[in-house]
Amino acid sequence: FAAVIATGAVALLGYTTTMPQPTDPCTSAIFWMTLSLKFGLPLIGWVITLVAMRECPLTKEEMVNVQKRIAEKKAAAQSEFYKKQLQ
């Protein structure tokens, strides 16, 4: 998926028949596209995560219960593992 994003970004800059080469001079368009990909995409992902978390019904109390259930499952699995190892 990253290759599609990179190829699309390069195509938006006007490189339709060739790719930018390391010997090509750095243009302002390449610079700004690089910055927007490096910092803009993670920022968009973060905002989407915040929006998704806003709709999540998980409260502090429920999170404590989830952590307790996970700890119990880990303890049970570890106990079972040690029982198998000692046999």
Protein backbone atom coordinates (compact mmCIF):
# COMPACT_ATOMS: atom_id res chain seq x y z
CA PHE A 1 0.00 0.00 0.00
CA ALA A 2 2.93 2.35 0.70
CA ALA A 3 4.17 1.94 -2.86
CA VAL A 4 0.79 3.06 -4.20
CA ILE A 5 0.88 6.17 -2.03
CA ALA A 6 4.45 7.00 -3.05
CA THR A 7 3.74 6.40 -6.74
CA GLY A 8 0.59 8.52 -6.57
CA ALA A 9 2.45 11.33 -4.84
CA VAL A 10 5.21 11.27 -7.45
CA ALA A 11 2.61 11.25 -10.23
CA LEU A 12 0.91 14.29 -8.68
CA LEU A 13 4.22 16.12 -8.98
CA GLY A 14 4.31 15.51 -12.73
CA TYR A 15 6.63 12.51 -12.98
CA THR A 16 4.50 10.35 -15.27
CA THR A 17 7.14 8.65 -17.44
CA THR A 18 10.16 8.60 -15.12
CA MET A 19 10.83 8.54 -11.40
CA PRO A 20 12.84 11.27 -9.64
CA GLN A 21 16.50 10.28 -9.58
CA PRO A 22 19.01 10.94 -6.79
CA THR A 23 20.98 13.18 -9.14
CA ASP A 24 17.94 15.37 -9.90
CA PRO A 25 17.88 18.74 -8.14
CA CYS A 26 15.52 18.94 -5.18
CA THR A 27 12.54 21.06 -6.09
CA SER A 28 10.16 22.73 -3.70
CA ALA A 29 7.34 20.43 -4.90
CA ILE A 30 9.33 17.31 -3.96
CA PHE A 31 10.28 18.88 -0.63
CA TRP A 32 6.69 19.75 0.32
CA MET A 33 5.32 16.42 -0.88
CA THR A 34 7.94 14.63 1.23
CA LEU A 35 7.03 16.67 4.30
CA SER A 36 3.31 16.12 3.78
CA LEU A 37 3.81 12.36 3.44
CA LYS A 38 6.17 12.11 6.41
CA PHE A 39 4.17 14.28 8.83
CA GLY A 40 0.73 14.67 7.26
CA LEU A 41 -0.24 11.01 6.94
CA PRO A 42 0.57 10.15 10.58
CA LEU A 43 -1.34 13.25 11.68
CA ILE A 44 -4.38 12.20 9.66
CA GLY A 45 -4.14 8.71 11.17
CA TRP A 46 -3.97 10.19 14.66
CA VAL A 47 -7.09 12.32 14.05
CA ILE A 48 -8.96 9.28 12.69
CA THR A 49 -7.94 7.35 15.81
CA LEU A 50 -9.26 10.13 18.05
CA VAL A 51 -12.59 10.15 16.21
CA ALA A 52 -12.85 6.37 16.52
CA MET A 53 -11.99 6.48 20.22
CA ARG A 54 -14.66 9.11 20.83
CA GLU A 55 -17.30 6.60 19.76
CA CYS A 56 -15.85 3.82 21.94
CA PRO A 57 -18.00 3.06 25.02
CA LEU A 58 -14.98 1.99 27.12
CA THR A 59 -14.88 3.75 30.51
CA LYS A 60 -12.15 3.69 33.16
CA GLU A 61 -14.05 1.14 35.21
CA GLU A 62 -14.53 -1.15 32.23
CA MET A 63 -10.84 -0.81 31.34
CA VAL A 64 -9.88 -1.90 34.86
CA ASN A 65 -12.15 -4.93 34.45
CA VAL A 66 -10.56 -5.73 31.08
CA GLN A 67 -7.08 -5.54 32.60
CA LYS A 68 -8.14 -7.86 35.43
CA ARG A 69 -9.56 -10.39 32.97
CA ILE A 70 -6.36 -10.27 30.93
CA ALA A 71 -4.25 -10.78 34.06
CA GLU A 72 -6.41 -13.76 35.07
CA LYS A 73 -6.08 -15.32 31.62
CA LYS A 74 -2.30 -14.82 31.67
CA ALA A 75 -2.03 -16.38 35.12
CA ALA A 76 -4.13 -19.37 34.05
CA ALA A 77 -2.09 -19.87 30.89
CA GLN A 78 1.18 -19.57 32.81
CA SER A 79 -0.04 -22.04 35.44
CA GLU A 80 -1.05 -24.50 32.74
CA PHE A 81 2.32 -24.07 31.02
CA TYR A 82 4.23 -24.78 34.24
CA LYS A 83 2.07 -27.84 34.95
CA LYS A 84 2.92 -29.24 31.51
CA GLN A 85 6.62 -28.50 32.01
CA LEU A 86 6.75 -30.27 35.38
CA GLN A 87 5.13 -33.46 34.09
